[in-house]
Amino acid sequence: FTDKLGEIGDTAVHSVLSALALLYALQGITQNSGDFLQAGLLSVP
């Protein structure tokens, strides 16, 4: 998803897809926060 953003030339389309990509990545961390916390990849804050 992140690689795909590099192919998008139109600024407005790039902007809205970036927000979607960020939401997808962050929601995945929320749903699997135990993995990221256990491995010390992210902190509780």
PDB file of all heavy atoms in Angstrom:
ATOM      1  N   PHE A   1       0.853  -1.197   0.000  1.00  0.00           N
ATOM      2  CA  PHE A   1       0.000   0.000   0.000  1.00  0.00           C
ATOM      3  C   PHE A   1       0.892   1.251   0.000  1.00  0.00           C
ATOM      4  O   PHE A   1       0.686   2.188  -0.774  1.00  0.00           O
ATOM      5  CB  PHE A   1      -0.904  -0.017   1.242  1.00  0.00           C
ATOM      6  CG  PHE A   1      -2.131   0.875   1.138  1.00  0.00           C
ATOM      7  CD1 PHE A   1      -3.187   0.713   2.035  1.00  0.00           C
ATOM      8  CD2 PHE A   1      -2.255   1.868   0.167  1.00  0.00           C
ATOM      9  CE1 PHE A   1      -4.324   1.522   1.966  1.00  0.00           C
ATOM     10  CE2 PHE A   1      -3.399   2.676   0.088  1.00  0.00           C
ATOM     11  CZ  PHE A   1      -4.423   2.505   0.995  1.00  0.00           C
ATOM     12  N   THR A   2       1.920   1.233   0.840  1.00  0.00           N
ATOM     13  CA  THR A   2       2.836   2.379   0.927  1.00  0.00           C
ATOM     14  C   THR A   2       3.603   2.566  -0.383  1.00  0.00           C
ATOM     15  O   THR A   2       3.742   3.689  -0.885  1.00  0.00           O
ATOM     16  CB  THR A   2       3.822   2.175   2.105  1.00  0.00           C
ATOM     17  OG1 THR A   2       3.055   1.919   3.289  1.00  0.00           O
ATOM     18  CG2 THR A   2       4.699   3.395   2.323  1.00  0.00           C
ATOM     19  N   ASP A   3       4.070   1.446  -0.968  1.00  0.00           N
ATOM     20  CA  ASP A   3       4.793   1.521  -2.257  1.00  0.00           C
ATOM     21  C   ASP A   3       3.907   2.131  -3.343  1.00  0.00           C
ATOM     22  O   ASP A   3       4.371   2.897  -4.185  1.00  0.00           O
ATOM     23  CB  ASP A   3       5.238   0.120  -2.714  1.00  0.00           C
ATOM     24  CG  ASP A   3       6.361  -0.447  -1.846  1.00  0.00           C
ATOM     25  OD1 ASP A   3       6.918   0.324  -1.023  1.00  0.00           O
ATOM     26  OD2 ASP A   3       6.668  -1.646  -1.978  1.00  0.00           O
ATOM     27  N   LYS A   4       2.605   1.765  -3.310  1.00  0.00           N
ATOM     28  CA  LYS A   4       1.669   2.240  -4.337  1.00  0.00           C
ATOM     29  C   LYS A   4       1.567   3.765  -4.329  1.00  0.00           C
ATOM     30  O   LYS A   4       1.437   4.397  -5.383  1.00  0.00           O
ATOM     31  CB  LYS A   4       0.282   1.615  -4.100  1.00  0.00           C
ATOM     32  CG  LYS A   4      -0.730   1.909  -5.191  1.00  0.00           C
ATOM     33  CD  LYS A   4      -0.405   1.157  -6.468  1.00  0.00           C
ATOM     34  CE  LYS A   4      -1.272   1.572  -7.620  1.00  0.00           C
ATOM     35  NZ  LYS A   4      -0.953   0.843  -8.855  1.00  0.00           N
ATOM     36  N   LEU A   5       1.648   4.351  -3.123  1.00  0.00           N
ATOM     37  CA  LEU A   5       1.535   5.819  -3.016  1.00  0.00           C
ATOM     38  C   LEU A   5       2.609   6.526  -3.842  1.00  0.00           C
ATOM     39  O   LEU A   5       2.388   7.621  -4.350  1.00  0.00           O
ATOM     40  CB  LEU A   5       1.639   6.258  -1.552  1.00  0.00           C
ATOM     41  CG  LEU A   5       0.504   5.787  -0.634  1.00  0.00           C
ATOM     42  CD1 LEU A   5       0.804   6.152   0.804  1.00  0.00           C
ATOM     43  CD2 LEU A   5      -0.828   6.388  -1.065  1.00  0.00           C
ATOM     44  N   GLY A   6       3.767   5.866  -3.979  1.00  0.00           N
ATOM     45  CA  GLY A   6       4.861   6.441  -4.768  1.00  0.00           C
ATOM     46  C   GLY A   6       4.535   6.572  -6.238  1.00  0.00           C
ATOM     47  O   GLY A   6       5.194   7.319  -6.967  1.00  0.00           O
ATOM     48  N   GLU A   7       3.497   5.836  -6.706  1.00  0.00           N
ATOM     49  CA  GLU A   7       3.133   5.880  -8.132  1.00  0.00           C
ATOM     50  C   GLU A   7       2.045   6.917  -8.418  1.00  0.00           C
ATOM     51  O   GLU A   7       1.674   7.134  -9.564  1.00  0.00           O
ATOM     52  CB  GLU A   7       2.606   4.506  -8.574  1.00  0.00           C
ATOM     53  CG  GLU A   7       3.596   3.367  -8.423  1.00  0.00           C
ATOM     54  CD  GLU A   7       2.922   2.017  -8.680  1.00  0.00           C
ATOM     55  OE1 GLU A   7       1.879   1.990  -9.375  1.00  0.00           O
ATOM     56  OE2 GLU A   7       3.433   1.000  -8.169  1.00  0.00           O
ATOM     57  N   ILE A   8       1.484   7.536  -7.356  1.00  0.00           N
ATOM     58  CA  ILE A   8       0.334   8.441  -7.532  1.00  0.00           C
ATOM     59  C   ILE A   8       0.823   9.871  -7.756  1.00  0.00           C
ATOM     60  O   ILE A   8       1.433  10.471  -6.866  1.00  0.00           O
ATOM     61  CB  ILE A   8      -0.607   8.406  -6.297  1.00  0.00           C
ATOM     62  CG1 ILE A   8      -0.911   6.967  -5.863  1.00  0.00           C
ATOM     63  CG2 ILE A   8      -1.879   9.203  -6.563  1.00  0.00           C
ATOM     64  CD1 ILE A   8      -1.759   6.151  -6.778  1.00  0.00           C
ATOM     65  N   GLY A   9       0.529  10.412  -8.943  1.00  0.00           N
ATOM     66  CA  GLY A   9       0.988  11.763  -9.283  1.00  0.00           C
ATOM     67  C   GLY A   9       0.054  12.866  -8.795  1.00  0.00           C
ATOM     68  O   GLY A   9       0.502  13.914  -8.340  1.00  0.00           O
ATOM     69  N   ASP A  10      -1.253  12.614  -8.845  1.00  0.00           N
ATOM     70  CA  ASP A  10      -2.222  13.651  -8.488  1.00  0.00           C
ATOM     71  C   ASP A  10      -2.189  13.932  -6.983  1.00  0.00           C
ATOM     72  O   ASP A  10      -2.345  13.019  -6.172  1.00  0.00           O
ATOM     73  CB  ASP A  10      -3.624  13.190  -8.906  1.00  0.00           C
ATOM     74  CG  ASP A  10      -4.681  14.249  -8.669  1.00  0.00           C
ATOM     75  OD1 ASP A  10      -4.880  15.084  -9.561  1.00  0.00           O
ATOM     76  OD2 ASP A  10      -5.286  14.247  -7.576  1.00  0.00           O
ATOM     77  N   THR A  11      -2.005  15.197  -6.607  1.00  0.00           N
ATOM     78  CA  THR A  11      -1.812  15.557  -5.190  1.00  0.00           C
ATOM     79  C   THR A  11      -3.026  15.230  -4.337  1.00  0.00           C
ATOM     80  O   THR A  11      -2.896  14.662  -3.246  1.00  0.00           O
ATOM     81  CB  THR A  11      -1.518  17.079  -5.055  1.00  0.00           C
ATOM     82  OG1 THR A  11      -0.661  17.452  -6.125  1.00  0.00           O
ATOM     83  CG2 THR A  11      -0.869  17.407  -3.745  1.00  0.00           C
ATOM     84  N   ALA A  12      -4.228  15.573  -4.820  1.00  0.00           N
ATOM     85  CA  ALA A  12      -5.441  15.348  -4.023  1.00  0.00           C
ATOM     86  C   ALA A  12      -5.701  13.854  -3.821  1.00  0.00           C
ATOM     87  O   ALA A  12      -6.065  13.414  -2.725  1.00  0.00           O
ATOM     88  CB  ALA A  12      -6.630  16.006  -4.701  1.00  0.00           C
ATOM     89  N   VAL A  13      -5.498  13.074  -4.884  1.00  0.00           N
ATOM     90  CA  VAL A  13      -5.678  11.621  -4.780  1.00  0.00           C
ATOM     91  C   VAL A  13      -4.621  11.042  -3.844  1.00  0.00           C
ATOM     92  O   VAL A  13      -4.921  10.205  -2.979  1.00  0.00           O
ATOM     93  CB  VAL A  13      -5.606  10.948  -6.180  1.00  0.00           C
ATOM     94  CG1 VAL A  13      -5.559   9.433  -6.061  1.00  0.00           C
ATOM     95  CG2 VAL A  13      -6.803  11.371  -7.033  1.00  0.00           C
ATOM     96  N   HIS A  14      -3.381  11.512  -3.976  1.00  0.00           N
ATOM     97  CA  HIS A  14      -2.284  11.049  -3.111  1.00  0.00           C
ATOM     98  C   HIS A  14      -2.618  11.330  -1.648  1.00  0.00           C
ATOM     99  O   HIS A  14      -2.413  10.483  -0.772  1.00  0.00           O
ATOM    100  CB  HIS A  14      -0.974  11.732  -3.502  1.00  0.00           C
ATOM    101  CG  HIS A  14       0.221  11.170  -2.797  1.00  0.00           C
ATOM    102  ND1 HIS A  14       0.550  11.529  -1.505  1.00  0.00           N
ATOM    103  CD2 HIS A  14       1.153  10.263  -3.190  1.00  0.00           C
ATOM    104  CE1 HIS A  14       1.640  10.872  -1.138  1.00  0.00           C
ATOM    105  NE2 HIS A  14       2.021  10.088  -2.146  1.00  0.00           N
ATOM    106  N   SER A  15      -3.163  12.491  -1.400  1.00  0.00           N
ATOM    107  CA  SER A  15      -3.472  12.904  -0.032  1.00  0.00           C
ATOM    108  C   SER A  15      -4.513  11.983   0.611  1.00  0.00           C
ATOM    109  O   SER A  15      -4.335  11.508   1.739  1.00  0.00           O
ATOM    110  CB  SER A  15      -3.972  14.353  -0.043  1.00  0.00           C
ATOM    111  OG  SER A  15      -4.474  14.699   1.211  1.00  0.00           O
ATOM    112  N   VAL A  16      -5.595  11.710  -0.110  1.00  0.00           N
ATOM    113  CA  VAL A  16      -6.662  10.890   0.474  1.00  0.00           C
ATOM    114  C   VAL A  16      -6.218   9.429   0.611  1.00  0.00           C
ATOM    115  O   VAL A  16      -6.535   8.754   1.601  1.00  0.00           O
ATOM    116  CB  VAL A  16      -7.993  11.037  -0.321  1.00  0.00           C
ATOM    117  CG1 VAL A  16      -7.956  10.293  -1.640  1.00  0.00           C
ATOM    118  CG2 VAL A  16      -9.191  10.586   0.511  1.00  0.00           C
ATOM    119  N   LEU A  17      -5.428   8.927  -0.349  1.00  0.00           N
ATOM    120  CA  LEU A  17      -4.916   7.553  -0.241  1.00  0.00           C
ATOM    121  C   LEU A  17      -3.906   7.426   0.895  1.00  0.00           C
ATOM    122  O   LEU A  17      -3.840   6.391   1.562  1.00  0.00           O
ATOM    123  CB  LEU A  17      -4.290   7.096  -1.560  1.00  0.00           C
ATOM    124  CG  LEU A  17      -5.253   6.680  -2.674  1.00  0.00           C
ATOM    125  CD1 LEU A  17      -4.491   6.247  -3.914  1.00  0.00           C
ATOM    126  CD2 LEU A  17      -6.190   5.557  -2.227  1.00  0.00           C
ATOM    127  N   SER A  18      -3.130   8.477   1.131  1.00  0.00           N
ATOM    128  CA  SER A  18      -2.166   8.458   2.245  1.00  0.00           C
ATOM    129  C   SER A  18      -2.899   8.349   3.576  1.00  0.00           C
ATOM    130  O   SER A  18      -2.470   7.616   4.479  1.00  0.00           O
ATOM    131  CB  SER A  18      -1.308   9.720   2.255  1.00  0.00           C
ATOM    132  OG  SER A  18      -0.543   9.783   1.078  1.00  0.00           O
ATOM    133  N   ALA A  19      -4.024   9.083   3.691  1.00  0.00           N
ATOM    134  CA  ALA A  19      -4.823   9.007   4.927  1.00  0.00           C
ATOM    135  C   ALA A  19      -5.366   7.590   5.121  1.00  0.00           C
ATOM    136  O   ALA A  19      -5.364   7.052   6.236  1.00  0.00           O
ATOM    137  CB  ALA A  19      -5.962  10.018   4.876  1.00  0.00           C
ATOM    138  N   LEU A  20      -5.818   6.955   4.014  1.00  0.00           N
ATOM    139  CA  LEU A  20      -6.318   5.570   4.097  1.00  0.00           C
ATOM    140  C   LEU A  20      -5.201   4.598   4.481  1.00  0.00           C
ATOM    141  O   LEU A  20      -5.396   3.711   5.313  1.00  0.00           O
ATOM    142  CB  LEU A  20      -6.926   5.147   2.754  1.00  0.00           C
ATOM    143  CG  LEU A  20      -8.314   5.681   2.399  1.00  0.00           C
ATOM    144  CD1 LEU A  20      -8.679   5.291   0.979  1.00  0.00           C
ATOM    145  CD2 LEU A  20      -9.386   5.169   3.370  1.00  0.00           C
ATOM    146  N   ALA A  21      -4.029   4.773   3.861  1.00  0.00           N
ATOM    147  CA  ALA A  21      -2.895   3.880   4.152  1.00  0.00           C
ATOM    148  C   ALA A  21      -2.479   4.009   5.617  1.00  0.00           C
ATOM    149  O   ALA A  21      -2.199   3.004   6.293  1.00  0.00           O
ATOM    150  CB  ALA A  21      -1.715   4.200   3.234  1.00  0.00           C
ATOM    151  N   LEU A  22      -2.462   5.237   6.111  1.00  0.00           N
ATOM    152  CA  LEU A  22      -2.091   5.474   7.508  1.00  0.00           C
ATOM    153  C   LEU A  22      -3.137   4.853   8.440  1.00  0.00           C
ATOM    154  O   LEU A  22      -2.785   4.196   9.434  1.00  0.00           O
ATOM    155  CB  LEU A  22      -1.969   6.985   7.761  1.00  0.00           C
ATOM    156  CG  LEU A  22      -1.324   7.418   9.076  1.00  0.00           C
ATOM    157  CD1 LEU A  22       0.072   6.826   9.236  1.00  0.00           C
ATOM    158  CD2 LEU A  22      -1.245   8.943   9.162  1.00  0.00           C
ATOM    159  N   LEU A  23      -4.412   5.018   8.104  1.00  0.00           N
ATOM    160  CA  LEU A  23      -5.476   4.415   8.922  1.00  0.00           C
ATOM    161  C   LEU A  23      -5.345   2.896   8.937  1.00  0.00           C
ATOM    162  O   LEU A  23      -5.475   2.262   9.992  1.00  0.00           O
ATOM    163  CB  LEU A  23      -6.854   4.832   8.379  1.00  0.00           C
ATOM    164  CG  LEU A  23      -8.071   4.244   9.117  1.00  0.00           C
ATOM    165  CD1 LEU A  23      -8.079   4.643  10.593  1.00  0.00           C
ATOM    166  CD2 LEU A  23      -9.378   4.686   8.448  1.00  0.00           C
ATOM    167  N   TYR A  24      -5.077   2.310   7.768  1.00  0.00           N
ATOM    168  CA  TYR A  24      -4.930   0.846   7.702  1.00  0.00           C
ATOM    169  C   TYR A  24      -3.773   0.380   8.595  1.00  0.00           C
ATOM    170  O   TYR A  24      -3.917  -0.571   9.377  1.00  0.00           O
ATOM    171  CB  TYR A  24      -4.700   0.381   6.253  1.00  0.00           C
ATOM    172  CG  TYR A  24      -4.521  -1.123   6.170  1.00  0.00           C
ATOM    173  CD1 TYR A  24      -5.613  -1.968   6.321  1.00  0.00           C
ATOM    174  CD2 TYR A  24      -3.258  -1.690   5.994  1.00  0.00           C
ATOM    175  CE1 TYR A  24      -5.457  -3.352   6.298  1.00  0.00           C
ATOM    176  CE2 TYR A  24      -3.098  -3.070   5.970  1.00  0.00           C
ATOM    177  CZ  TYR A  24      -4.199  -3.898   6.118  1.00  0.00           C
ATOM    178  OH  TYR A  24      -4.045  -5.260   6.114  1.00  0.00           O
ATOM    179  N   ALA A  25      -2.644   1.059   8.493  1.00  0.00           N
ATOM    180  CA  ALA A  25      -1.458   0.659   9.270  1.00  0.00           C
ATOM    181  C   ALA A  25      -1.685   0.856  10.771  1.00  0.00           C
ATOM    182  O   ALA A  25      -1.352  -0.022  11.579  1.00  0.00           O
ATOM    183  CB  ALA A  25      -0.242   1.449   8.806  1.00  0.00           C
ATOM    184  N   LEU A  26      -2.266   1.978  11.157  1.00  0.00           N
ATOM    185  CA  LEU A  26      -2.469   2.264  12.586  1.00  0.00           C
ATOM    186  C   LEU A  26      -3.535   1.354  13.196  1.00  0.00           C
ATOM    187  O   LEU A  26      -3.394   0.878  14.322  1.00  0.00           O
ATOM    188  CB  LEU A  26      -2.853   3.735  12.794  1.00  0.00           C
ATOM    189  CG  LEU A  26      -1.768   4.766  12.443  1.00  0.00           C
ATOM    190  CD1 LEU A  26      -2.292   6.182  12.664  1.00  0.00           C
ATOM    191  CD2 LEU A  26      -0.484   4.544  13.239  1.00  0.00           C
ATOM    192  N   GLN A  27      -4.602   1.090  12.439  1.00  0.00           N
ATOM    193  CA  GLN A  27      -5.648   0.192  12.938  1.00  0.00           C
ATOM    194  C   GLN A  27      -5.075  -1.212  13.146  1.00  0.00           C
ATOM    195  O   GLN A  27      -5.409  -1.884  14.122  1.00  0.00           O
ATOM    196  CB  GLN A  27      -6.818   0.154  11.940  1.00  0.00           C
ATOM    197  CG  GLN A  27      -7.964  -0.769  12.320  1.00  0.00           C
ATOM    198  CD  GLN A  27      -8.800  -0.253  13.475  1.00  0.00           C
ATOM    199  OE1 GLN A  27      -8.438   0.732  14.115  1.00  0.00           O
ATOM    200  NE2 GLN A  27      -9.906  -0.908  13.770  1.00  0.00           N
ATOM    201  N   GLY A  28      -4.187  -1.637  12.262  1.00  0.00           N
ATOM    202  CA  GLY A  28      -3.539  -2.947  12.402  1.00  0.00           C
ATOM    203  C   GLY A  28      -2.694  -3.022  13.666  1.00  0.00           C
ATOM    204  O   GLY A  28      -2.630  -4.063  14.326  1.00  0.00           O
ATOM    205  N   ILE A  29      -2.061  -1.918  14.017  1.00  0.00           N
ATOM    206  CA  ILE A  29      -1.254  -1.888  15.252  1.00  0.00           C
ATOM    207  C   ILE A  29      -2.177  -1.970  16.462  1.00  0.00           C
ATOM    208  O   ILE A  29      -1.927  -2.717  17.412  1.00  0.00           O
ATOM    209  CB  ILE A  29      -0.371  -0.613  15.304  1.00  0.00           C
ATOM    210  CG1 ILE A  29       0.743  -0.715  14.246  1.00  0.00           C
ATOM    211  CG2 ILE A  29       0.232  -0.422  16.695  1.00  0.00           C
ATOM    212  CD1 ILE A  29       1.586   0.530  14.090  1.00  0.00           C
ATOM    213  N   THR A  30      -3.283  -1.218  16.421  1.00  0.00           N
ATOM    214  CA  THR A  30      -4.247  -1.250  17.538  1.00  0.00           C
ATOM    215  C   THR A  30      -4.764  -2.669  17.767  1.00  0.00           C
ATOM    216  O   THR A  30      -4.858  -3.131  18.905  1.00  0.00           O
ATOM    217  CB  THR A  30      -5.447  -0.315  17.232  1.00  0.00           C
ATOM    218  OG1 THR A  30      -4.935   0.985  17.001  1.00  0.00           O
ATOM    219  CG2 THR A  30      -6.424  -0.254  18.375  1.00  0.00           C
ATOM    220  N   GLN A  31      -5.089  -3.353  16.663  1.00  0.00           N
ATOM    221  CA  GLN A  31      -5.655  -4.704  16.793  1.00  0.00           C
ATOM    222  C   GLN A  31      -4.617  -5.740  17.229  1.00  0.00           C
ATOM    223  O   GLN A  31      -4.972  -6.799  17.719  1.00  0.00           O
ATOM    224  CB  GLN A  31      -6.292  -5.127  15.460  1.00  0.00           C
ATOM    225  CG  GLN A  31      -7.572  -4.362  15.167  1.00  0.00           C
ATOM    226  CD  GLN A  31      -8.089  -4.601  13.757  1.00  0.00           C
ATOM    227  OE1 GLN A  31      -7.315  -4.880  12.838  1.00  0.00           O
ATOM    228  NE2 GLN A  31      -9.383  -4.480  13.568  1.00  0.00           N
ATOM    229  N   ASN A  32      -3.345  -5.437  17.016  1.00  0.00           N
ATOM    230  CA  ASN A  32      -2.274  -6.386  17.390  1.00  0.00           C
ATOM    231  C   ASN A  32      -1.272  -5.732  18.343  1.00  0.00           C
ATOM    232  O   ASN A  32      -0.089  -6.042  18.311  1.00  0.00           O
ATOM    233  CB  ASN A  32      -1.536  -6.860  16.126  1.00  0.00           C
ATOM    234  CG  ASN A  32      -2.464  -7.561  15.149  1.00  0.00           C
ATOM    235  OD1 ASN A  32      -2.786  -8.721  15.313  1.00  0.00           O
ATOM    236  ND2 ASN A  32      -2.917  -6.842  14.134  1.00  0.00           N
ATOM    237  N   SER A  33      -1.794  -4.810  19.196  1.00  0.00           N
ATOM    238  CA  SER A  33      -0.873  -4.005  20.021  1.00  0.00           C
ATOM    239  C   SER A  33       0.007  -4.868  20.918  1.00  0.00           C
ATOM    240  O   SER A  33       1.154  -4.508  21.194  1.00  0.00           O
ATOM    241  CB  SER A  33      -1.643  -2.976  20.843  1.00  0.00           C
ATOM    242  OG  SER A  33      -2.650  -3.622  21.599  1.00  0.00           O
ATOM    243  N   GLY A  34      -0.523  -6.026  21.334  1.00  0.00           N
ATOM    244  CA  GLY A  34       0.282  -6.918  22.185  1.00  0.00           C
ATOM    245  C   GLY A  34       1.603  -7.294  21.542  1.00  0.00           C
ATOM    246  O   GLY A  34       2.660  -7.267  22.188  1.00  0.00           O
ATOM    247  N   ASP A  35       1.565  -7.617  20.246  1.00  0.00           N
ATOM    248  CA  ASP A  35       2.794  -7.997  19.521  1.00  0.00           C
ATOM    249  C   ASP A  35       3.817  -6.863  19.547  1.00  0.00           C
ATOM    250  O   ASP A  35       5.000  -7.073  19.803  1.00  0.00           O
ATOM    251  CB  ASP A  35       2.483  -8.314  18.043  1.00  0.00           C
ATOM    252  CG  ASP A  35       1.746  -9.626  17.880  1.00  0.00           C
ATOM    253  OD1 ASP A  35       1.614 -10.361  18.873  1.00  0.00           O
ATOM    254  OD2 ASP A  35       1.285  -9.896  16.752  1.00  0.00           O
ATOM    255  N   PHE A  36       3.345  -5.651  19.250  1.00  0.00           N
ATOM    256  CA  PHE A  36       4.259  -4.508  19.127  1.00  0.00           C
ATOM    257  C   PHE A  36       4.813  -4.097  20.490  1.00  0.00           C
ATOM    258  O   PHE A  36       5.975  -3.705  20.606  1.00  0.00           O
ATOM    259  CB  PHE A  36       3.533  -3.328  18.456  1.00  0.00           C
ATOM    260  CG  PHE A  36       3.167  -3.597  17.022  1.00  0.00           C
ATOM    261  CD1 PHE A  36       1.909  -4.079  16.677  1.00  0.00           C
ATOM    262  CD2 PHE A  36       4.087  -3.393  16.001  1.00  0.00           C
ATOM    263  CE1 PHE A  36       1.574  -4.342  15.354  1.00  0.00           C
ATOM    264  CE2 PHE A  36       3.764  -3.643  14.673  1.00  0.00           C
ATOM    265  CZ  PHE A  36       2.506  -4.121  14.354  1.00  0.00           C
ATOM    266  N   LEU A  37       3.970  -4.213  21.534  1.00  0.00           N
ATOM    267  CA  LEU A  37       4.420  -3.858  22.885  1.00  0.00           C
ATOM    268  C   LEU A  37       5.383  -4.917  23.426  1.00  0.00           C
ATOM    269  O   LEU A  37       6.438  -4.594  23.974  1.00  0.00           O
ATOM    270  CB  LEU A  37       3.215  -3.716  23.824  1.00  0.00           C
ATOM    271  CG  LEU A  37       2.324  -2.490  23.585  1.00  0.00           C
ATOM    272  CD1 LEU A  37       1.013  -2.618  24.365  1.00  0.00           C
ATOM    273  CD2 LEU A  37       3.047  -1.201  23.980  1.00  0.00           C
ATOM    274  N   GLN A  38       5.017  -6.197  23.245  1.00  0.00           N
ATOM    275  CA  GLN A  38       5.863  -7.291  23.747  1.00  0.00           C
ATOM    276  C   GLN A  38       7.261  -7.235  23.168  1.00  0.00           C
ATOM    277  O   GLN A  38       8.244  -7.484  23.852  1.00  0.00           O
ATOM    278  CB  GLN A  38       5.239  -8.637  23.358  1.00  0.00           C
ATOM    279  CG  GLN A  38       4.419  -9.259  24.454  1.00  0.00           C
ATOM    280  CD  GLN A  38       3.853 -10.609  23.984  1.00  0.00           C
ATOM    281  OE1 GLN A  38       3.445 -10.767  22.841  1.00  0.00           O
ATOM    282  NE2 GLN A  38       3.837 -11.570  24.865  1.00  0.00           N
ATOM    283  N   ALA A  39       7.326  -6.920  21.872  1.00  0.00           N
ATOM    284  CA  ALA A  39       8.626  -6.903  21.192  1.00  0.00           C
ATOM    285  C   ALA A  39       9.377  -5.597  21.461  1.00  0.00           C
ATOM    286  O   ALA A  39      10.504  -5.417  20.992  1.00  0.00           O
ATOM    287  CB  ALA A  39       8.427  -7.088  19.697  1.00  0.00           C
ATOM    288  N   GLY A  40       8.724  -4.687  22.189  1.00  0.00           N
ATOM    289  CA  GLY A  40       9.386  -3.420  22.484  1.00  0.00           C
ATOM    290  C   GLY A  40       9.521  -2.525  21.257  1.00  0.00           C
ATOM    291  O   GLY A  40      10.392  -1.658  21.196  1.00  0.00           O
ATOM    292  N   LEU A  41       8.659  -2.732  20.274  1.00  0.00           N
ATOM    293  CA  LEU A  41       8.732  -1.912  19.058  1.00  0.00           C
ATOM    294  C   LEU A  41       8.008  -0.581  19.255  1.00  0.00           C
ATOM    295  O   LEU A  41       8.290   0.396  18.579  1.00  0.00           O
ATOM    296  CB  LEU A  41       8.111  -2.667  17.882  1.00  0.00           C
ATOM    297  CG  LEU A  41       8.814  -3.986  17.505  1.00  0.00           C
ATOM    298  CD1 LEU A  41       7.973  -4.767  16.514  1.00  0.00           C
ATOM    299  CD2 LEU A  41      10.202  -3.714  16.936  1.00  0.00           C
ATOM    300  N   LEU A  42       7.015  -0.600  20.159  1.00  0.00           N
ATOM    301  CA  LEU A  42       6.274   0.622  20.487  1.00  0.00           C
ATOM    302  C   LEU A  42       6.128   0.695  22.003  1.00  0.00           C
ATOM    303  O   LEU A  42       6.148  -0.334  22.683  1.00  0.00           O
ATOM    304  CB  LEU A  42       4.881   0.584  19.850  1.00  0.00           C
ATOM    305  CG  LEU A  42       4.783   0.674  18.331  1.00  0.00           C
ATOM    306  CD1 LEU A  42       3.366   0.349  17.886  1.00  0.00           C
ATOM    307  CD2 LEU A  42       5.177   2.053  17.825  1.00  0.00           C
ATOM    308  N   SER A  43       5.920   1.917  22.503  1.00  0.00           N
ATOM    309  CA  SER A  43       5.694   2.096  23.940  1.00  0.00           C
ATOM    310  C   SER A  43       4.196   2.277  24.184  1.00  0.00           C
ATOM    311  O   SER A  43       3.435   2.558  23.251  1.00  0.00           O
ATOM    312  CB  SER A  43       6.438   3.336  24.421  1.00  0.00           C
ATOM    313  OG  SER A  43       5.911   4.482  23.771  1.00  0.00           O
ATOM    314  N   VAL A  44       3.776   2.139  25.440  1.00  0.00           N
ATOM    315  CA  VAL A  44       2.357   2.325  25.781  1.00  0.00           C
ATOM    316  C   VAL A  44       1.881   3.733  25.392  1.00  0.00           C
ATOM    317  O   VAL A  44       0.815   3.875  24.784  1.00  0.00           O
ATOM    318  CB  VAL A  44       2.107   2.020  27.278  1.00  0.00           C
ATOM    319  CG1 VAL A  44       0.675   2.385  27.676  1.00  0.00           C
ATOM    320  CG2 VAL A  44       2.362   0.539  27.561  1.00  0.00           C
ATOM    321  N   PRO A  45       2.654   4.809  25.699  1.00  0.00           N
ATOM    322  CA  PRO A  45       2.200   6.138  25.264  1.00  0.00           C
ATOM    323  C   PRO A  45       1.990   6.233  23.749  1.00  0.00           C
ATOM    324  O   PRO A  45       1.054   6.902  23.289  1.00  0.00           O
ATOM    325  CB  PRO A  45       3.343   7.070  25.708  1.00  0.00           C
ATOM    326  CG  PRO A  45       4.009   6.351  26.820  1.00  0.00           C
ATOM    327  CD  PRO A  45       3.875   4.893  26.517  1.00  0.00           C
TER     328      PRO A  45
END
